[in-house]
Amino acid sequence: MAVTATGVAVLALLALIGWVAAPHQGLGLPAVLRISAVLWLAAQHVGFTLRGAGRIGLLPLGLVLLPGTLLWRAGRWIVRTAQVRRLRRVGYAAVAVAVPYALLTGMLAAISRSALVSSSELQSVACGLGLALAAAGLGGARALAPWPRLVRVLPTRPRSVVVAVAGALATLTAAGAVIAAICLAGHLPEAAALERDLAPGAVGTVLLCLLELAYLPNAVIWATAFMLGPGFAVGSGTVVAPTGTALAQLPAFPMLAALPPGLHTATPTWVTAAVLAMPYLAGALGGVLLVRAAPRLALDAAPLLGLASGLASGALIGLLAAVSGGPLGDGRLAAIGPSAWQAGIVSALEIGVSAAVAAGLANYVGLRKSGALRSAGYPDDALGSQPIRVGGRQDTGPPPRSGRLGG
């Protein structure tokens, strides 16, 4: 209850400032409160239907930080107040936060429904429940111990996959943030001109800047999809990818000025190659981190775990791509953002293959330096220089030794 009340109050204050500063003929205070509830639902990533426009699903992911932070603190507070000492009991604390929170979110969807805008109660309950379970659970777990200690609780192989996925995704996110920042910085004059054409006023400019900041996580995810190769769309029949761009008329939103214009980009070939190589570098880094987290793996286990980390990374990237885009009405802008299944499959292949190769090589080098290959019966080249019979005659070579790899 406190989390919902605090979040709605913060967004109601912003909506009230905009209502006071802008002409609001025909829009009363009850409508402003309903808009605040709709904004709070959008912060749970709940879309809404706007009369005359259609479905609005392109929501700013930065808004999720507000309820996520409040739920994180709620999970920490419950774990500390109830004096929870075991990690398995953190799940009960997360459920204790999530169930009433989801019910309140569904009630807000029903209360905020009007002839102008409406949200799905079922989607509100589902999104509120998922967000609360994740945020409160992580906050409660962090209240027990620091992250390195929590990761060490996992068995060796699952822990190595988690470390590899975290390293690969962190690398891709950092590279996506750099690309988004470079594009935005390079098109600041166009964005400023577009903002002047909108003429939002002093208060409107502040609110517009806040909205653009809230959409920055979406821009980073779109830049990540751009690096992967499939790119993203800004309307039906459009594409923004490293190999070329095809755009139609864009909405009057200053951040969209960072998109490359024209039928094809004028990016140098080496820049395109460097951008497309980033997922492979991220996967290779994840493979090295995997072996560091789980040393002395079997020769065939390291590549398999690298592929598993690629599949997990692809699933997470596909989920992020799905929530970063969405429709902006029922017209030409009904498809905006990256394709979830394309981003997921391509990232799983690129990261998985490069992580498997890097993990296999790093594991082989580590085993050879530690002498595990020799003690396990493998020669120095680890390629099996065993006696081979040719025409009834046996070649000479080092005899095989007994023992299993890695003891």
Protein backbone atom coordinates (compact mmCIF):
# COMPACT_ATOMS: atom_id res chain seq x y z
CA MET A 1 0.00 0.00 0.00
CA ALA A 2 2.79 2.43 0.89
CA VAL A 3 4.67 1.65 -2.32
CA THR A 4 1.60 2.29 -4.49
CA ALA A 5 0.60 5.45 -2.62
CA THR A 6 4.11 6.91 -2.81
CA GLY A 7 4.52 6.17 -6.51
CA VAL A 8 1.12 7.53 -7.49
CA ALA A 9 1.76 10.67 -5.40
CA VAL A 10 5.04 11.36 -7.21
CA LEU A 11 3.48 10.96 -10.65
CA ALA A 12 0.41 12.93 -9.60
CA LEU A 13 2.66 15.83 -8.66
CA LEU A 14 4.22 15.81 -12.14
CA ALA A 15 0.82 15.57 -13.81
CA LEU A 16 -0.50 18.40 -11.65
CA ILE A 17 2.44 20.64 -12.60
CA GLY A 18 1.75 20.03 -16.27
CA TRP A 19 -1.98 20.63 -15.76
CA VAL A 20 -1.39 23.96 -14.02
CA ALA A 21 1.20 25.17 -16.54
CA ALA A 22 -0.73 24.20 -19.69
CA PRO A 23 -4.18 25.24 -20.87
CA HIS A 24 -6.61 22.78 -19.29
CA GLN A 25 -10.01 23.83 -20.53
CA GLY A 26 -12.41 20.92 -20.17
CA LEU A 27 -9.91 18.85 -18.13
CA GLY A 28 -10.72 18.82 -14.43
CA LEU A 29 -8.76 17.66 -11.43
CA PRO A 30 -10.39 14.16 -11.35
CA ALA A 31 -9.12 13.60 -14.89
CA VAL A 32 -5.61 14.59 -13.77
CA LEU A 33 -5.78 12.02 -10.97
CA ARG A 34 -6.89 9.35 -13.44
CA ILE A 35 -3.97 10.30 -15.69
CA SER A 36 -1.66 9.87 -12.70
CA ALA A 37 -3.00 6.37 -12.18
CA VAL A 38 -2.48 5.59 -15.88
CA LEU A 39 1.12 6.84 -15.61
CA TRP A 40 1.67 4.60 -12.60
CA LEU A 41 0.33 1.65 -14.59
CA ALA A 42 2.66 2.59 -17.45
CA ALA A 43 5.50 2.44 -14.92
CA GLN A 44 4.55 -1.24 -14.45
CA HIS A 45 4.76 -1.53 -18.26
CA VAL A 46 0.99 -1.77 -18.63
CA GLY A 47 -0.19 -0.41 -21.96
CA PHE A 48 -3.44 1.45 -22.46
CA THR A 49 -5.98 2.17 -25.17
CA LEU A 50 -6.48 5.81 -26.12
CA ARG A 51 -9.75 6.76 -27.75
CA GLY A 52 -9.23 7.80 -31.37
CA ALA A 53 -5.61 6.58 -31.47
CA GLY A 54 -5.63 2.92 -30.50
CA ARG A 55 -3.29 0.83 -28.43
CA ILE A 56 -0.29 2.60 -26.80
CA GLY A 57 2.42 0.12 -25.84
CA LEU A 58 5.64 2.03 -26.46
CA LEU A 59 6.29 2.89 -22.82
CA PRO A 60 9.40 4.46 -21.24
CA LEU A 61 11.37 1.85 -19.34
CA GLY A 62 12.91 4.53 -17.17
CA LEU A 63 9.59 4.83 -15.36
CA VAL A 64 10.05 1.27 -14.10
CA LEU A 65 12.87 2.54 -11.88
CA LEU A 66 10.35 4.32 -9.65
CA PRO A 67 8.22 1.31 -8.60
CA GLY A 68 11.27 -0.96 -8.85
CA THR A 69 13.21 1.10 -6.32
CA LEU A 70 10.24 1.32 -3.96
CA LEU A 71 9.62 -2.44 -4.17
CA TRP A 72 13.33 -3.12 -3.68
CA ARG A 73 13.26 -1.15 -0.44
CA ALA A 74 10.05 -2.88 0.63
CA GLY A 75 11.68 -6.28 0.18
CA ARG A 76 14.72 -5.20 2.19
CA TRP A 77 12.49 -3.80 4.94
CA ILE A 78 10.46 -6.99 5.28
CA VAL A 79 13.54 -9.23 5.40
CA ARG A 80 15.17 -7.07 8.06
CA THR A 81 12.01 -6.54 10.09
CA ALA A 82 11.07 -10.23 10.06
CA GLN A 83 14.72 -11.12 10.79
CA VAL A 84 14.92 -13.55 7.88
CA ARG A 85 18.17 -15.49 7.98
CA ARG A 86 17.79 -18.05 5.18
CA LEU A 87 17.78 -17.34 1.47
CA ARG A 88 14.92 -19.73 0.77
CA ARG A 89 12.63 -17.67 3.01
CA VAL A 90 13.24 -14.53 0.97
CA GLY A 91 10.77 -15.90 -1.56
CA TYR A 92 8.00 -15.79 1.04
CA ALA A 93 8.83 -12.17 1.78
CA ALA A 94 8.69 -11.34 -1.94
CA VAL A 95 5.28 -13.02 -2.24
CA ALA A 96 4.03 -11.09 0.80
CA VAL A 97 4.90 -7.87 -1.05
CA ALA A 98 3.86 -8.93 -4.55
CA VAL A 99 0.34 -10.29 -3.99
CA PRO A 100 -1.24 -7.20 -2.38
CA TYR A 101 0.75 -4.95 -4.70
CA ALA A 102 -0.60 -6.75 -7.78
CA LEU A 103 -4.17 -6.54 -6.46
CA LEU A 104 -3.79 -2.79 -5.88
CA THR A 105 -2.41 -2.39 -9.39
CA GLY A 106 -5.46 -4.15 -10.81
CA MET A 107 -7.75 -1.92 -8.73
CA LEU A 108 -6.04 1.18 -10.10
CA ALA A 109 -6.62 -0.08 -13.64
CA ALA A 110 -10.33 -0.44 -12.90
CA ILE A 111 -10.60 2.94 -11.15
CA SER A 112 -8.71 4.86 -13.84
CA ARG A 113 -10.87 3.55 -16.68
CA SER A 114 -12.71 6.31 -18.53
CA ALA A 115 -14.18 7.06 -21.94
CA LEU A 116 -10.84 8.52 -23.02
CA VAL A 117 -8.33 5.94 -21.78
CA SER A 118 -8.51 2.42 -20.39
CA SER A 119 -6.06 -0.27 -19.25
CA SER A 120 -6.42 -4.03 -18.94
CA GLU A 121 -6.99 -5.19 -15.36
CA LEU A 122 -5.56 -8.64 -16.10
CA GLN A 123 -2.39 -7.22 -17.61
CA SER A 124 -2.07 -4.81 -14.69
CA VAL A 125 -2.23 -7.64 -12.16
CA ALA A 126 0.24 -9.79 -14.13
CA CYS A 127 2.78 -7.00 -14.68
CA GLY A 128 2.51 -5.78 -11.10
CA LEU A 129 2.99 -9.30 -9.76
CA GLY A 130 6.05 -9.98 -11.94
CA LEU A 131 7.72 -6.66 -11.17
CA ALA A 132 7.08 -6.96 -7.43
CA LEU A 133 8.36 -10.53 -7.24
CA ALA A 134 11.57 -9.60 -9.07
CA ALA A 135 12.29 -6.29 -7.32
CA ALA A 136 11.25 -7.30 -3.80
CA GLY A 137 12.99 -10.67 -4.12
CA LEU A 138 16.26 -9.09 -5.23
CA GLY A 139 16.03 -6.45 -2.53
CA GLY A 140 15.37 -9.05 0.13
CA ALA A 141 18.25 -11.23 -1.06
CA ARG A 142 20.59 -8.25 -1.06
CA ALA A 143 19.58 -7.53 2.54
CA LEU A 144 21.00 -10.91 3.53
CA ALA A 145 24.43 -10.69 1.92
CA PRO A 146 26.44 -8.87 -0.78
CA TRP A 147 26.09 -10.00 -4.41
CA PRO A 148 29.43 -11.94 -4.60
CA ARG A 149 28.45 -13.99 -1.57
CA LEU A 150 24.98 -14.67 -3.00
CA VAL A 151 26.47 -15.82 -6.29
CA ARG A 152 28.81 -18.22 -4.47
CA VAL A 153 25.77 -19.98 -3.01
CA LEU A 154 25.01 -21.40 -6.47
CA PRO A 155 26.62 -24.66 -7.61
CA THR A 156 29.79 -24.27 -9.66
CA ARG A 157 28.42 -24.75 -13.17
CA PRO A 158 25.23 -22.68 -12.81
CA ARG A 159 27.32 -19.98 -11.14
CA SER A 160 29.73 -19.92 -14.07
CA VAL A 161 26.83 -19.54 -16.53
CA VAL A 162 25.39 -16.67 -14.46
CA VAL A 163 28.77 -14.92 -14.41
CA ALA A 164 29.18 -15.38 -18.17
CA VAL A 165 25.70 -14.04 -18.92
CA ALA A 166 26.26 -11.05 -16.65
CA GLY A 167 29.59 -10.25 -18.29
CA ALA A 168 28.26 -10.55 -21.85
CA LEU A 169 25.14 -8.49 -21.16
CA ALA A 170 27.11 -5.83 -19.29
CA THR A 171 29.47 -5.50 -22.26
CA LEU A 172 26.60 -5.24 -24.74
CA THR A 173 24.77 -2.73 -22.56
CA ALA A 174 27.85 -0.54 -22.20
CA ALA A 175 28.47 -0.65 -25.95
CA GLY A 176 24.81 0.13 -26.65
CA ALA A 177 24.92 3.09 -24.28
CA VAL A 178 28.03 4.43 -26.04
CA ILE A 179 26.41 4.10 -29.48
CA ALA A 180 23.21 5.78 -28.28
CA ALA A 181 25.20 8.62 -26.68
CA ILE A 182 27.27 9.17 -29.83
CA CYS A 183 24.15 9.27 -32.02
CA LEU A 184 22.36 11.67 -29.69
CA ALA A 185 25.39 13.93 -29.36
CA GLY A 186 25.92 13.98 -33.10
CA HIS A 187 22.35 15.11 -33.78
CA LEU A 188 21.87 17.63 -30.99
CA PRO A 189 21.23 20.55 -33.40
CA GLU A 190 18.40 18.63 -35.12
CA ALA A 191 16.90 17.65 -31.75
CA ALA A 192 17.10 21.24 -30.50
CA ALA A 193 15.42 22.53 -33.66
CA LEU A 194 12.64 20.00 -33.29
CA GLU A 195 12.14 20.99 -29.66
CA ARG A 196 11.91 24.66 -30.64
CA ASP A 197 9.27 23.79 -33.22
CA LEU A 198 7.21 22.10 -30.51
CA ALA A 199 7.39 25.27 -28.35
CA PRO A 200 6.57 23.47 -25.08
CA GLY A 201 7.33 26.43 -22.80
CA ALA A 202 9.50 26.42 -19.70
CA VAL A 203 7.55 23.83 -17.70
CA GLY A 204 6.85 21.77 -20.80
CA THR A 205 10.55 21.71 -21.64
CA VAL A 206 11.36 20.29 -18.20
CA LEU A 207 8.66 17.63 -18.50
CA LEU A 208 9.80 16.81 -22.04
CA CYS A 209 13.38 16.36 -20.80
CA LEU A 210 12.14 14.02 -18.07
CA LEU A 211 10.24 12.02 -20.66
CA GLU A 212 13.35 11.75 -22.84
CA LEU A 213 15.39 10.58 -19.86
CA ALA A 214 12.74 7.94 -19.18
CA TYR A 215 13.12 6.67 -22.76
CA LEU A 216 16.93 6.38 -22.53
CA PRO A 217 16.81 2.67 -21.51
CA ASN A 218 14.69 2.00 -24.60
CA ALA A 219 17.32 3.76 -26.72
CA VAL A 220 20.11 1.62 -25.22
CA ILE A 221 18.20 -1.60 -25.97
CA TRP A 222 17.50 -0.42 -29.52
CA ALA A 223 21.21 0.33 -29.97
CA THR A 224 21.97 -3.20 -28.73
CA ALA A 225 19.57 -4.64 -31.31
CA PHE A 226 21.33 -2.44 -33.87
CA MET A 227 24.69 -4.04 -32.96
CA LEU A 228 23.25 -7.54 -33.23
CA GLY A 229 22.34 -6.94 -36.88
CA PRO A 230 18.52 -7.16 -37.16
CA GLY A 231 18.14 -3.56 -35.96
CA PHE A 232 14.75 -2.10 -35.15
CA ALA A 233 11.73 -0.53 -36.81
CA VAL A 234 10.13 2.88 -36.39
CA GLY A 235 6.85 2.13 -38.10
CA SER A 236 5.62 -0.41 -40.61
CA GLY A 237 8.00 -1.05 -43.50
CA THR A 238 10.96 0.70 -41.86
CA VAL A 239 14.29 -0.58 -40.58
CA VAL A 240 17.36 0.87 -38.86
CA ALA A 241 20.31 -1.53 -39.12
CA PRO A 242 24.11 -1.31 -39.57
CA THR A 243 23.83 -2.34 -43.21
CA GLY A 244 21.24 0.31 -44.14
CA THR A 245 18.34 2.46 -43.03
CA ALA A 246 14.91 3.00 -44.53
CA LEU A 247 12.67 5.47 -42.67
CA ALA A 248 9.40 7.21 -43.31
CA GLN A 249 8.03 10.33 -41.62
CA LEU A 250 8.84 10.20 -37.90
CA PRO A 251 6.87 11.52 -34.91
CA ALA A 252 7.87 14.94 -33.59
CA PHE A 253 9.96 13.61 -30.71
CA PRO A 254 13.45 15.15 -30.25
CA MET A 255 15.18 11.85 -29.41
CA LEU A 256 14.22 10.42 -32.81
CA ALA A 257 16.43 13.02 -34.46
CA ALA A 258 19.37 10.72 -33.59
CA LEU A 259 18.22 8.15 -36.16
CA PRO A 260 20.31 8.01 -39.35
CA PRO A 261 18.45 9.59 -42.29
CA GLY A 262 18.20 8.42 -45.88
CA LEU A 263 17.91 5.06 -47.58
CA HIS A 264 21.44 3.98 -46.60
CA THR A 265 23.80 5.07 -43.90
CA ALA A 266 27.01 6.88 -44.72
CA THR A 267 28.88 5.05 -41.96
CA PRO A 268 32.42 3.94 -42.88
CA THR A 269 32.89 0.22 -43.44
CA TRP A 270 35.28 -0.20 -40.53
CA VAL A 271 32.78 1.37 -38.13
CA THR A 272 30.05 -1.02 -39.32
CA ALA A 273 32.43 -3.96 -38.90
CA ALA A 274 33.37 -2.84 -35.38
CA VAL A 275 29.71 -2.46 -34.41
CA LEU A 276 28.81 -5.91 -35.74
CA ALA A 277 31.82 -7.45 -33.94
CA MET A 278 30.71 -6.26 -30.49
CA PRO A 279 28.34 -9.21 -29.76
CA TYR A 280 31.14 -11.66 -30.55
CA LEU A 281 33.54 -9.80 -28.27
CA ALA A 282 30.92 -9.79 -25.54
CA GLY A 283 30.43 -13.54 -25.94
CA ALA A 284 34.19 -14.15 -25.86
CA LEU A 285 34.47 -12.14 -22.65
CA GLY A 286 31.62 -14.15 -21.18
CA GLY A 287 33.40 -17.40 -22.09
CA VAL A 288 36.61 -16.30 -20.36
CA LEU A 289 34.67 -15.25 -17.26
CA LEU A 290 32.88 -18.61 -17.31
CA VAL A 291 36.18 -20.51 -17.07
CA ARG A 292 37.46 -18.17 -14.35
CA ALA A 293 34.33 -18.85 -12.31
CA ALA A 294 34.57 -22.63 -12.81
CA PRO A 295 38.22 -23.68 -13.34
CA ARG A 296 39.30 -27.21 -14.33
CA LEU A 297 36.23 -28.09 -16.34
CA ALA A 298 36.28 -31.07 -18.67
CA LEU A 299 37.37 -30.30 -22.22
CA ASP A 300 33.86 -30.82 -23.59
CA ALA A 301 32.05 -29.18 -20.65
CA ALA A 302 33.41 -25.66 -21.15
CA PRO A 303 32.06 -25.19 -24.71
CA LEU A 304 28.69 -26.62 -23.71
CA LEU A 305 28.41 -24.19 -20.82
CA GLY A 306 29.41 -21.39 -23.20
CA LEU A 307 26.51 -22.35 -25.48
CA ALA A 308 24.21 -22.42 -22.45
CA SER A 309 25.28 -18.89 -21.52
CA GLY A 310 24.49 -17.80 -25.08
CA LEU A 311 21.00 -19.28 -24.89
CA ALA A 312 20.35 -17.57 -21.56
CA SER A 313 21.66 -14.27 -22.91
CA GLY A 314 19.48 -14.59 -26.00
CA ALA A 315 16.39 -15.20 -23.88
CA LEU A 316 17.07 -12.10 -21.77
CA ILE A 317 17.84 -9.93 -24.81
CA GLY A 318 14.65 -11.11 -26.49
CA LEU A 319 12.67 -10.17 -23.38
CA LEU A 320 14.29 -6.74 -23.23
CA ALA A 321 13.61 -6.20 -26.93
CA ALA A 322 9.96 -7.09 -26.39
CA VAL A 323 9.43 -4.64 -23.54
CA SER A 324 11.43 -1.82 -25.16
CA GLY A 325 9.09 -1.47 -28.14
CA GLY A 326 5.40 -1.56 -28.82
CA PRO A 327 2.61 0.07 -30.77
CA LEU A 328 2.01 3.80 -30.87
CA GLY A 329 -1.55 3.68 -32.11
CA ASP A 330 -3.25 1.50 -34.70
CA GLY A 331 -1.84 3.22 -37.78
CA ARG A 332 1.56 3.19 -39.43
CA LEU A 333 3.33 3.34 -36.04
CA ALA A 334 1.82 0.10 -34.81
CA ALA A 335 5.24 -1.60 -34.99
CA ILE A 336 8.08 0.26 -33.24
CA GLY A 337 11.21 -1.21 -31.74
CA PRO A 338 13.28 -4.37 -32.29
CA SER A 339 11.80 -7.75 -33.08
CA ALA A 340 11.95 -9.88 -29.93
CA TRP A 341 12.38 -13.25 -31.64
CA GLN A 342 14.96 -11.97 -34.13
CA ALA A 343 17.04 -10.27 -31.44
CA GLY A 344 16.79 -13.33 -29.19
CA ILE A 345 17.80 -15.89 -31.82
CA VAL A 346 20.61 -13.82 -33.34
CA SER A 347 22.08 -12.92 -29.94
CA ALA A 348 21.90 -16.54 -28.75
CA LEU A 349 23.86 -17.68 -31.81
CA GLU A 350 26.43 -14.88 -31.79
CA ILE A 351 27.07 -14.88 -28.05
CA GLY A 352 26.75 -18.65 -27.66
CA VAL A 353 29.21 -19.61 -30.40
CA SER A 354 31.82 -17.03 -29.41
CA ALA A 355 31.44 -17.92 -25.71
CA ALA A 356 31.82 -21.63 -26.50
CA VAL A 357 35.01 -21.07 -28.50
CA ALA A 358 36.52 -18.70 -25.93
CA ALA A 359 35.57 -20.95 -23.00
CA GLY A 360 37.01 -24.01 -24.70
CA LEU A 361 40.32 -22.30 -25.47
CA ALA A 362 40.62 -20.69 -22.04
CA ASN A 363 39.80 -23.97 -20.32
CA TYR A 364 42.36 -25.87 -22.42
CA VAL A 365 45.08 -23.35 -21.64
CA GLY A 366 44.25 -23.49 -17.94
CA LEU A 367 44.29 -27.30 -17.86
CA ARG A 368 47.58 -27.42 -19.75
CA LYS A 369 49.25 -24.95 -17.41
CA SER A 370 48.04 -26.81 -14.33
CA GLY A 371 49.19 -30.19 -15.66
CA ALA A 372 45.70 -31.66 -15.49
CA LEU A 373 45.87 -32.81 -19.11
CA ARG A 374 49.04 -34.85 -18.51
CA SER A 375 47.78 -36.39 -15.26
CA ALA A 376 44.49 -37.28 -16.91
CA GLY A 377 46.19 -39.19 -19.70
CA TYR A 378 46.18 -36.49 -22.39
CA PRO A 379 49.38 -35.58 -24.21
CA ASP A 380 50.55 -31.98 -24.33
CA ASP A 381 48.69 -31.23 -27.54
CA ALA A 382 45.47 -32.67 -26.05
CA LEU A 383 44.52 -33.95 -29.49
CA GLY A 384 45.00 -37.60 -28.69
CA SER A 385 48.41 -38.61 -30.09
CA GLN A 386 47.56 -42.23 -29.37
CA PRO A 387 49.02 -45.28 -31.17
CA ILE A 388 47.28 -45.74 -34.52
CA ARG A 389 47.27 -49.02 -36.41
CA VAL A 390 47.99 -48.61 -40.11
CA GLY A 391 48.10 -51.71 -42.26
CA GLY A 392 48.53 -53.98 -39.27
CA ARG A 393 51.48 -51.93 -38.00
CA GLN A 394 51.24 -49.73 -34.93
CA ASP A 395 52.70 -46.23 -35.01
CA THR A 396 54.83 -45.17 -32.11
CA GLY A 397 53.59 -42.54 -29.78
CA PRO A 398 53.08 -41.84 -26.13
CA PRO A 399 51.06 -44.61 -24.47
CA PRO A 400 47.69 -43.65 -23.05
CA ARG A 401 47.43 -43.23 -19.33
CA SER A 402 44.55 -44.11 -17.12
CA GLY A 403 42.46 -41.58 -15.30
CA ARG A 404 39.70 -39.11 -15.98
CA LEU A 405 40.03 -35.52 -17.04
CA GLY A 406 40.16 -33.21 -14.10
CA GLY A 407 40.45 -36.07 -11.56
